[in-house]
């Protein structure tokens, strides 16, 4: 293999040869989800190919490296009806065994996949934070599991733009193999679907959920985490509104001759008005800010400043539950510099250090995306069908988990993802 095809930091061919017994044992956990012995064999070959240090991990290149007919691998990814959902369930079981902790954190995020043409399922011009612009691409919503033992991606959903639905898009859906029963869902709705599936499976112990403002601004998603009996530290926009005290809305008294008695609480003349989180934080004294270590970087520990205040959330234009407003800024920030804002439903007994630790764990999913794209070809597929996307992404998630488990076995990390800010 030419030196230019080798990716720095990847598992080398020699490494993979030495790891074959472990890879076989790893793949055996998923063997029952493939169709017949032939499907299991090609699935293991494809998984091995994703781990090899080749520059472009599409079907043709993988087939050449692992000695498999390209047609067989193409069929495995695009058409074979093997159970990718079963593989994800078993992956979560394995991650729970290897990385599980009662205070584990589910991290929600999406990533873009640049594409040409209009045939790939869900493709279209849309904004991608990964690409930093609007472009022709696919977007996947993912959930990562993070604990003090490590972190890795554990589930996925492909986001299909609203233009993919409706009678006029029916031929396009058929070509891409999109099921008739599939309906449009927003990214926060897909994230909610992922959370509910993980909660129902019960294989990943977790106490927290975190995500950026694209998800944190969704009132229904915050309420869902509440209903699942978990805590969140979710970033919100600077314009998100809260109450700095209980606004004490009341059900108005019935007016004679005015029909049915009112049932919904309404603000009274003495009720506090809601305010933007940026305005509330701007009024905090300098003594409210405390330094905490958030990550252990290549140049040493990184510290940010945090402040928090008890608030009442505003949900759907009405008072919601009490909680925390957490703010984060760089050490030594002056007026006008960026501040990040988070809402949390954690109780009053939870320490500031723990909220800071959870809120800052978004770096884990970003690192998972970087490793998955750079090491195991998460974004290097060449398929158009919906099933093909899910099959390739599923095998890439398995390959990523295998790499993480091997790295954890070979060397102890300097600072685990779950290392609490308060413990440093």
Protein backbone atom coordinates (compact mmCIF):
# COMPACT_ATOMS: atom_id res chain seq x y z
CA UNK A 1 0.00 0.00 0.00
CA UNK A 2 1.45 3.42 -0.91
CA UNK A 3 2.53 5.52 2.03
CA UNK A 4 0.18 8.30 0.94
CA UNK A 5 -2.78 5.98 1.59
CA UNK A 6 -1.90 5.50 5.24
CA UNK A 7 -3.69 7.67 7.74
CA UNK A 8 -1.55 8.95 10.63
CA UNK A 9 -2.59 7.52 13.98
CA UNK A 10 -4.74 4.79 12.42
CA UNK A 11 -4.70 1.13 13.32
CA UNK A 12 -1.93 -0.24 11.08
CA UNK A 13 -2.18 -3.41 9.02
CA UNK A 14 0.23 -5.05 11.46
CA UNK A 15 -1.92 -3.94 14.40
CA UNK A 16 -5.02 -5.35 12.77
CA UNK A 17 -3.31 -8.68 12.09
CA UNK A 18 -2.39 -8.92 15.76
CA UNK A 19 -5.90 -7.91 16.73
CA UNK A 20 -7.72 -10.40 14.50
CA UNK A 21 -8.62 -12.76 17.38
CA UNK A 22 -10.07 -9.82 19.32
CA UNK A 23 -11.89 -8.55 16.23
CA UNK A 24 -13.38 -11.99 15.64
CA UNK A 25 -14.57 -12.15 19.24
CA UNK A 26 -15.97 -8.63 18.97
CA UNK A 27 -17.80 -9.39 15.73
CA UNK A 28 -19.18 -12.63 17.19
CA UNK A 29 -21.31 -10.48 19.52
CA UNK A 30 -23.14 -9.24 16.40
CA UNK A 31 -23.04 -12.36 14.21
CA UNK A 32 -26.68 -13.36 14.81
CA UNK A 33 -27.90 -10.13 13.21
CA UNK A 34 -26.47 -10.99 9.77
CA UNK A 35 -28.15 -13.17 7.16
CA UNK A 36 -26.60 -16.64 7.01
CA UNK A 37 -22.93 -17.48 7.34
CA UNK A 38 -22.03 -15.67 4.11
CA UNK A 39 -23.48 -12.40 5.40
CA UNK A 40 -21.60 -12.81 8.67
CA UNK A 41 -18.36 -13.38 6.76
CA UNK A 42 -18.77 -10.30 4.56
CA UNK A 43 -19.83 -8.24 7.57
CA UNK A 44 -16.61 -9.11 9.36
CA UNK A 45 -14.57 -8.33 6.23
CA UNK A 46 -16.24 -4.93 5.88
CA UNK A 47 -15.67 -4.19 9.56
CA UNK A 48 -11.98 -5.09 9.17
CA UNK A 49 -11.74 -2.86 6.10
CA UNK A 50 -13.10 0.12 8.04
CA UNK A 51 -10.26 -0.36 10.51
CA UNK A 52 -7.50 -0.50 7.89
CA UNK A 53 -5.35 2.61 7.20
CA UNK A 54 -6.66 3.30 3.70
CA UNK A 55 -7.42 6.85 2.61
CA UNK A 56 -10.89 6.27 1.12
CA UNK A 57 -13.01 3.56 2.76
CA UNK A 58 -15.61 2.95 0.08
CA UNK A 59 -16.78 -0.50 -0.99
CA UNK A 60 -14.28 -0.87 -3.85
CA UNK A 61 -11.23 0.04 -1.78
CA UNK A 62 -12.31 -2.08 1.16
CA UNK A 63 -13.01 -5.05 -1.11
CA UNK A 64 -9.53 -4.77 -2.64
CA UNK A 65 -7.85 -4.65 0.78
CA UNK A 66 -9.77 -7.53 2.41
CA UNK A 67 -9.95 -9.83 -0.61
CA UNK A 68 -13.71 -9.73 -1.12
CA UNK A 69 -15.78 -9.36 -4.31
CA UNK A 70 -16.99 -5.72 -4.50
CA UNK A 71 -20.45 -6.92 -5.54
CA UNK A 72 -20.80 -8.95 -2.33
CA UNK A 73 -19.88 -6.00 -0.11
CA UNK A 74 -22.13 -3.67 -2.11
CA UNK A 75 -25.01 -6.07 -1.63
CA UNK A 76 -24.22 -6.33 2.09
CA UNK A 77 -24.45 -2.57 2.52
CA UNK A 78 -27.20 -1.54 0.10
CA UNK A 79 -29.60 -4.48 -0.24
CA UNK A 80 -29.06 -7.27 2.29
CA UNK A 81 -31.82 -7.26 4.97
CA UNK A 82 -29.54 -7.82 7.97
CA UNK A 83 -30.62 -6.35 11.28
CA UNK A 84 -28.72 -3.08 11.84
CA UNK A 85 -31.09 -2.13 14.68
CA UNK A 86 -30.17 -5.35 16.47
CA UNK A 87 -26.49 -4.49 16.05
CA UNK A 88 -27.10 -1.08 17.66
CA UNK A 89 -28.87 -2.72 20.62
CA UNK A 90 -25.96 -5.11 21.12
CA UNK A 91 -23.49 -2.24 20.73
CA UNK A 92 -25.24 -0.41 23.55
CA UNK A 93 -25.11 -3.55 25.67
CA UNK A 94 -21.36 -3.83 25.05
CA UNK A 95 -20.72 -0.13 25.69
CA UNK A 96 -22.67 -0.44 28.92
CA UNK A 97 -20.44 -3.33 29.98
CA UNK A 98 -17.21 -1.56 29.02
CA UNK A 99 -17.90 2.11 29.78
CA UNK A 100 -21.08 2.17 31.83
CA UNK A 101 -21.43 4.32 34.96
CA UNK A 102 -24.56 5.40 36.89
CA UNK A 103 -23.78 9.06 36.16
CA UNK A 104 -23.12 8.45 32.47
CA UNK A 105 -24.08 11.20 30.02
CA UNK A 106 -25.90 10.99 26.69
CA UNK A 107 -24.60 13.66 24.29
CA UNK A 108 -26.83 14.65 21.37
CA UNK A 109 -25.47 16.25 18.21
CA UNK A 110 -25.66 16.10 14.43
CA UNK A 111 -23.04 16.02 11.72
CA UNK A 112 -23.08 16.64 7.98
CA UNK A 113 -21.97 14.50 5.05
CA UNK A 114 -21.17 16.45 1.88
CA UNK A 115 -22.76 14.82 -1.18
CA UNK A 116 -23.10 15.40 -4.91
CA UNK A 117 -26.34 14.84 -6.78
CA UNK A 118 -29.92 14.55 -5.60
CA UNK A 119 -30.47 10.80 -5.26
CA UNK A 120 -29.03 9.95 -1.82
CA UNK A 121 -31.71 9.56 0.84
CA UNK A 122 -32.33 12.85 2.66
CA UNK A 123 -29.84 14.85 0.59
CA UNK A 124 -30.46 18.51 -0.15
CA UNK A 125 -29.18 22.02 0.37
CA UNK A 126 -29.17 22.65 4.11
CA UNK A 127 -26.99 24.13 6.79
CA UNK A 128 -24.37 21.86 8.29
CA UNK A 129 -22.32 22.96 11.29
CA UNK A 130 -19.73 20.40 10.23
CA UNK A 131 -19.28 22.09 6.86
CA UNK A 132 -19.84 25.57 8.31
CA UNK A 133 -22.25 26.59 5.55
CA UNK A 134 -25.32 25.65 3.55
CA UNK A 135 -24.42 22.98 1.04
CA UNK A 136 -25.70 19.88 -0.68
CA UNK A 137 -25.38 17.26 2.04
CA UNK A 138 -26.96 14.67 4.28
CA UNK A 139 -27.25 15.24 8.02
CA UNK A 140 -27.32 12.54 10.66
CA UNK A 141 -28.47 12.97 14.26
CA UNK A 142 -26.34 10.96 16.69
CA UNK A 143 -26.09 10.17 20.37
CA UNK A 144 -22.81 9.50 22.14
CA UNK A 145 -22.34 7.88 25.53
CA UNK A 146 -19.74 9.42 27.84
CA UNK A 147 -18.59 8.41 31.31
CA UNK A 148 -15.44 8.50 33.41
CA UNK A 149 -14.37 5.35 31.50
CA UNK A 150 -14.53 6.79 27.98
CA UNK A 151 -16.98 7.73 25.24
CA UNK A 152 -18.26 6.54 21.86
CA UNK A 153 -21.21 6.92 19.47
CA UNK A 154 -24.09 4.56 20.22
CA UNK A 155 -27.01 5.37 17.88
CA UNK A 156 -27.99 7.35 14.79
CA UNK A 157 -30.89 8.67 12.70
CA UNK A 158 -30.78 10.13 9.19
CA UNK A 159 -32.51 13.49 8.94
CA UNK A 160 -34.69 13.76 5.83
CA UNK A 161 -35.56 17.28 4.73
CA UNK A 162 -39.26 18.15 4.59
CA UNK A 163 -39.00 18.36 0.80
CA UNK A 164 -38.53 14.59 0.72
CA UNK A 165 -42.14 14.12 1.78
CA UNK A 166 -45.36 14.74 -0.09
CA UNK A 167 -46.83 13.32 -3.29
CA UNK A 168 -44.41 15.10 -5.61
CA UNK A 169 -41.41 13.47 -3.91
CA UNK A 170 -42.81 9.92 -4.05
CA UNK A 171 -40.64 8.75 -7.01
CA UNK A 172 -37.53 10.08 -5.28
CA UNK A 173 -38.42 8.26 -2.06
CA UNK A 174 -38.98 5.00 -3.91
CA UNK A 175 -35.58 5.21 -5.64
CA UNK A 176 -33.89 5.84 -2.27
CA UNK A 177 -35.82 3.04 -0.56
CA UNK A 178 -37.55 5.36 1.94
CA UNK A 179 -40.44 3.43 3.57
CA UNK A 180 -43.93 4.78 2.87
CA UNK A 181 -44.73 4.96 6.59
CA UNK A 182 -41.80 7.26 7.35
CA UNK A 183 -42.89 10.82 8.17
CA UNK A 184 -40.98 14.08 8.48
CA UNK A 185 -39.31 14.65 11.85
CA UNK A 186 -37.22 17.59 12.98
CA UNK A 187 -33.74 17.04 14.38
CA UNK A 188 -34.92 17.53 18.00
CA UNK A 189 -37.71 15.01 17.32
CA UNK A 190 -35.15 12.51 16.04
CA UNK A 191 -33.02 13.20 19.14
CA UNK A 192 -36.10 12.52 21.30
CA UNK A 193 -36.60 9.25 19.44
CA UNK A 194 -33.02 8.25 20.19
CA UNK A 195 -33.39 9.11 23.89
CA UNK A 196 -36.62 7.14 24.22
CA UNK A 197 -35.10 4.11 22.49
CA UNK A 198 -32.04 4.10 24.77
CA UNK A 199 -34.20 4.59 27.86
CA UNK A 200 -36.54 1.75 26.82
CA UNK A 201 -33.65 -0.63 26.08
CA UNK A 202 -32.15 0.00 29.52
CA UNK A 203 -28.68 -1.15 28.50
CA UNK A 204 -26.80 2.13 29.03
CA UNK A 205 -26.80 3.52 32.56
CA UNK A 206 -27.09 7.29 32.34
CA UNK A 207 -28.12 10.08 34.65
CA UNK A 208 -27.62 13.10 32.39
CA UNK A 209 -28.32 14.48 28.90
CA UNK A 210 -26.47 17.35 27.23
CA UNK A 211 -26.53 19.01 23.80
CA UNK A 212 -26.02 22.35 22.08
CA UNK A 213 -28.64 25.08 21.71
CA UNK A 214 -30.14 23.56 18.55
CA UNK A 215 -31.56 20.90 20.87
CA UNK A 216 -31.60 22.75 24.20
CA UNK A 217 -33.91 25.44 22.82
CA UNK A 218 -36.56 22.75 22.21
CA UNK A 219 -38.97 22.93 25.15
CA UNK A 220 -40.44 19.50 24.38
CA UNK A 221 -37.01 17.85 24.48
CA UNK A 222 -36.28 19.31 27.90
CA UNK A 223 -39.66 18.15 29.11
CA UNK A 224 -39.01 14.65 27.75
CA UNK A 225 -35.80 14.32 29.75
CA UNK A 226 -37.81 15.39 32.81
CA UNK A 227 -40.40 12.71 32.10
CA UNK A 228 -37.70 10.05 31.69
CA UNK A 229 -36.52 10.86 35.21
CA UNK A 230 -33.12 12.12 34.08
CA UNK A 231 -31.28 15.43 34.50
CA UNK A 232 -30.08 17.68 31.71
CA UNK A 233 -27.58 20.45 31.20
CA UNK A 234 -28.63 21.75 27.79
CA UNK A 235 -27.18 24.79 26.08
CA UNK A 236 -29.74 27.44 25.08
CA UNK A 237 -29.63 30.60 22.99
CA UNK A 238 -28.79 33.90 24.68
CA UNK A 239 -32.35 35.05 23.95
CA UNK A 240 -33.99 32.11 25.74
CA UNK A 241 -36.33 33.46 28.42
CA UNK A 242 -36.61 32.46 32.09
CA UNK A 243 -38.06 33.91 35.29
CA UNK A 244 -35.67 35.00 38.00
CA UNK A 245 -38.27 34.00 40.61
CA UNK A 246 -41.59 32.18 40.74
CA UNK A 247 -44.00 34.39 38.74
CA UNK A 248 -46.91 32.95 40.74
CA UNK A 249 -49.45 32.81 37.93
CA UNK A 250 -53.00 32.17 39.12
CA UNK A 251 -56.24 30.87 37.64
CA UNK A 252 -58.45 33.95 37.17
CA UNK A 253 -61.72 34.15 39.05
CA UNK A 254 -64.82 33.38 37.05
CA UNK A 255 -66.69 36.40 35.75
CA UNK A 256 -70.44 36.26 36.02
CA UNK A 257 -72.15 35.46 32.76
CA UNK A 258 -68.86 34.80 30.90
CA UNK A 259 -69.29 31.08 30.10
CA UNK A 260 -67.05 28.32 31.43
CA UNK A 261 -64.78 29.08 34.38
CA UNK A 262 -61.12 29.60 33.40
CA UNK A 263 -58.78 26.70 34.11
CA UNK A 264 -55.38 27.94 32.92
CA UNK A 265 -53.18 30.07 35.19
CA UNK A 266 -52.49 33.59 34.00
CA UNK A 267 -50.06 36.31 35.14
CA UNK A 268 -51.24 38.68 37.84
CA UNK A 269 -50.25 42.34 38.26
CA UNK A 270 -47.57 41.24 40.76
CA UNK A 271 -46.16 38.42 38.59
CA UNK A 272 -42.52 38.72 37.56
CA UNK A 273 -41.90 39.17 33.85
CA UNK A 274 -39.65 36.75 31.98
CA UNK A 275 -36.22 37.92 30.86
CA UNK A 276 -33.53 36.78 28.44
CA UNK A 277 -30.81 34.64 30.01
CA UNK A 278 -28.13 37.01 28.72
CA UNK A 279 -29.72 39.90 30.65
CA UNK A 280 -30.00 37.89 33.85
CA UNK A 281 -26.37 36.75 33.66
CA UNK A 282 -25.16 40.27 32.80
CA UNK A 283 -26.46 41.42 36.16
CA UNK A 284 -24.58 38.83 38.22
CA UNK A 285 -21.78 40.14 40.47
CA UNK A 286 -18.15 39.26 39.75
CA UNK A 287 -18.13 37.07 42.87
CA UNK A 288 -20.69 34.73 41.24
CA UNK A 289 -18.08 33.44 38.77
CA UNK A 290 -15.96 30.40 39.76
CA UNK A 291 -13.13 28.75 37.83
CA UNK A 292 -13.36 25.05 37.00
CA UNK A 293 -11.23 22.78 34.86
CA UNK A 294 -13.21 21.54 31.86
CA UNK A 295 -10.79 19.46 29.76
CA UNK A 296 -7.27 18.12 29.82
CA UNK A 297 -5.73 19.34 26.57
CA UNK A 298 -2.41 18.77 24.84
CA UNK A 299 -1.09 21.97 26.41
CA UNK A 300 -2.37 21.13 29.87
CA UNK A 301 -5.67 21.68 31.67
CA UNK A 302 -8.15 24.21 30.36
CA UNK A 303 -10.18 26.23 32.83
CA UNK A 304 -13.30 28.31 32.24
CA UNK A 305 -15.39 30.47 34.55
CA UNK A 306 -18.89 29.42 35.56
CA UNK A 307 -21.80 31.05 37.35
CA UNK A 308 -25.24 29.74 38.16
CA UNK A 309 -28.51 31.01 39.53
CA UNK A 310 -31.84 29.38 40.41
CA UNK A 311 -34.58 30.25 37.94
CA UNK A 312 -37.99 29.11 36.72
CA UNK A 313 -37.99 27.95 33.11
CA UNK A 314 -40.34 29.43 30.56
CA UNK A 315 -41.89 26.75 28.38
CA UNK A 316 -44.35 27.45 25.60
CA UNK A 317 -44.94 31.01 26.85
CA UNK A 318 -45.81 29.90 30.38
CA UNK A 319 -43.88 29.18 33.60
CA UNK A 320 -42.25 25.77 33.67
CA UNK A 321 -40.38 23.91 36.40
CA UNK A 322 -37.68 25.43 38.64
CA UNK A 323 -34.08 24.75 37.71
CA UNK A 324 -30.63 26.19 37.17
CA UNK A 325 -29.32 28.74 34.69
CA UNK A 326 -25.62 28.00 34.16
CA UNK A 327 -23.29 30.42 32.38
CA UNK A 328 -19.80 29.72 31.03
CA UNK A 329 -17.10 32.06 29.74
CA UNK A 330 -13.36 32.11 29.16
CA UNK A 331 -11.19 33.11 32.10
CA UNK A 332 -10.64 36.85 32.05
CA UNK A 333 -13.48 37.57 29.62
CA UNK A 334 -14.42 41.21 29.26
CA UNK A 335 -17.69 42.86 28.25
CA UNK A 336 -18.94 41.73 24.85
CA UNK A 337 -17.07 38.43 24.81
CA UNK A 338 -18.93 35.16 24.24
CA UNK A 339 -20.88 33.57 27.07
CA UNK A 340 -22.57 30.18 26.78
CA UNK A 341 -25.84 29.57 28.60
CA UNK A 342 -27.33 26.31 29.84
CA UNK A 343 -30.56 25.26 31.52
CA UNK A 344 -30.66 22.35 33.94
CA UNK A 345 -33.40 20.57 35.84
CA UNK A 346 -30.92 19.26 38.42
CA UNK A 347 -31.98 19.72 42.06
CA UNK A 348 -30.57 22.37 44.38
CA UNK A 349 -28.26 19.78 45.99
CA UNK A 350 -26.18 19.30 42.82
CA UNK A 351 -22.83 21.10 42.95
CA UNK A 352 -21.75 23.71 40.41
CA UNK A 353 -18.75 21.54 39.51
CA UNK A 354 -21.04 18.71 38.42
CA UNK A 355 -23.16 20.97 36.23
CA UNK A 356 -19.99 22.36 34.64
CA UNK A 357 -18.67 18.85 34.03
CA UNK A 358 -21.84 17.73 32.23
CA UNK A 359 -22.27 20.94 30.25
CA UNK A 360 -18.73 20.74 28.89
CA UNK A 361 -18.99 17.13 27.71
CA UNK A 362 -20.02 18.17 24.20
CA UNK A 363 -16.33 17.90 23.26
CA UNK A 364 -16.67 14.11 23.51
CA UNK A 365 -19.17 13.80 20.67
CA UNK A 366 -17.12 16.21 18.55
CA UNK A 367 -14.07 14.03 19.12
CA UNK A 368 -16.12 10.94 18.29
CA UNK A 369 -17.16 12.48 14.97
CA UNK A 370 -13.57 13.45 14.21
CA UNK A 371 -12.26 9.96 14.97
CA UNK A 372 -15.12 8.22 13.22
CA UNK A 373 -14.58 10.22 10.03
CA UNK A 374 -10.79 10.16 10.18
CA UNK A 375 -10.27 6.58 11.35
CA UNK A 376 -13.21 4.36 10.39
CA UNK A 377 -14.74 6.03 7.32
CA UNK A 378 -18.01 7.26 8.83
CA UNK A 379 -18.43 9.76 5.97
CA UNK A 380 -16.79 7.80 3.15
CA UNK A 381 -19.75 5.76 1.94
CA UNK A 382 -21.05 5.81 -1.62
CA UNK A 383 -24.65 4.66 -1.26
CA UNK A 384 -27.96 6.26 -2.18
CA UNK A 385 -30.51 4.05 -0.39
CA UNK A 386 -31.72 4.69 3.12
CA UNK A 387 -30.88 1.12 4.12
CA UNK A 388 -27.35 1.57 2.76
CA UNK A 389 -26.82 4.66 4.93
CA UNK A 390 -27.94 2.87 8.07
CA UNK A 391 -25.89 -0.23 7.28
CA UNK A 392 -22.66 1.65 6.63
CA UNK A 393 -23.09 4.00 9.59
CA UNK A 394 -23.88 1.07 11.89
CA UNK A 395 -20.71 -0.80 10.91
CA UNK A 396 -18.70 2.41 11.29
CA UNK A 397 -20.08 2.81 14.83
CA UNK A 398 -19.06 -0.77 15.60
CA UNK A 399 -15.57 -0.09 14.21
CA UNK A 400 -15.28 3.08 16.29
CA UNK A 401 -16.27 1.23 19.46
CA UNK A 402 -13.71 -1.49 18.72
CA UNK A 403 -10.99 1.14 18.31
CA UNK A 404 -12.02 2.79 21.58
CA UNK A 405 -11.98 -0.51 23.47
CA UNK A 406 -8.57 -1.42 22.05
CA UNK A 407 -7.13 1.99 22.92
CA UNK A 408 -8.52 1.69 26.44
CA UNK A 409 -6.90 -1.71 26.80
CA UNK A 410 -3.53 -0.64 25.36
CA UNK A 411 -3.12 2.58 27.30
CA UNK A 412 -4.82 4.39 30.14
CA UNK A 413 -6.05 7.85 29.05
CA UNK A 414 -4.61 10.86 30.84
CA UNK A 415 -8.07 12.10 31.74
CA UNK A 416 -11.27 10.18 31.12
CA UNK A 417 -14.30 11.89 29.63
CA UNK A 418 -16.19 11.37 32.84
CA UNK A 419 -13.57 12.94 35.11
CA UNK A 420 -15.51 15.45 37.13
CA UNK A 421 -14.46 19.06 37.16
CA UNK A 422 -14.83 19.05 40.93
CA UNK A 423 -12.46 16.08 41.29
CA UNK A 424 -9.58 17.74 39.45
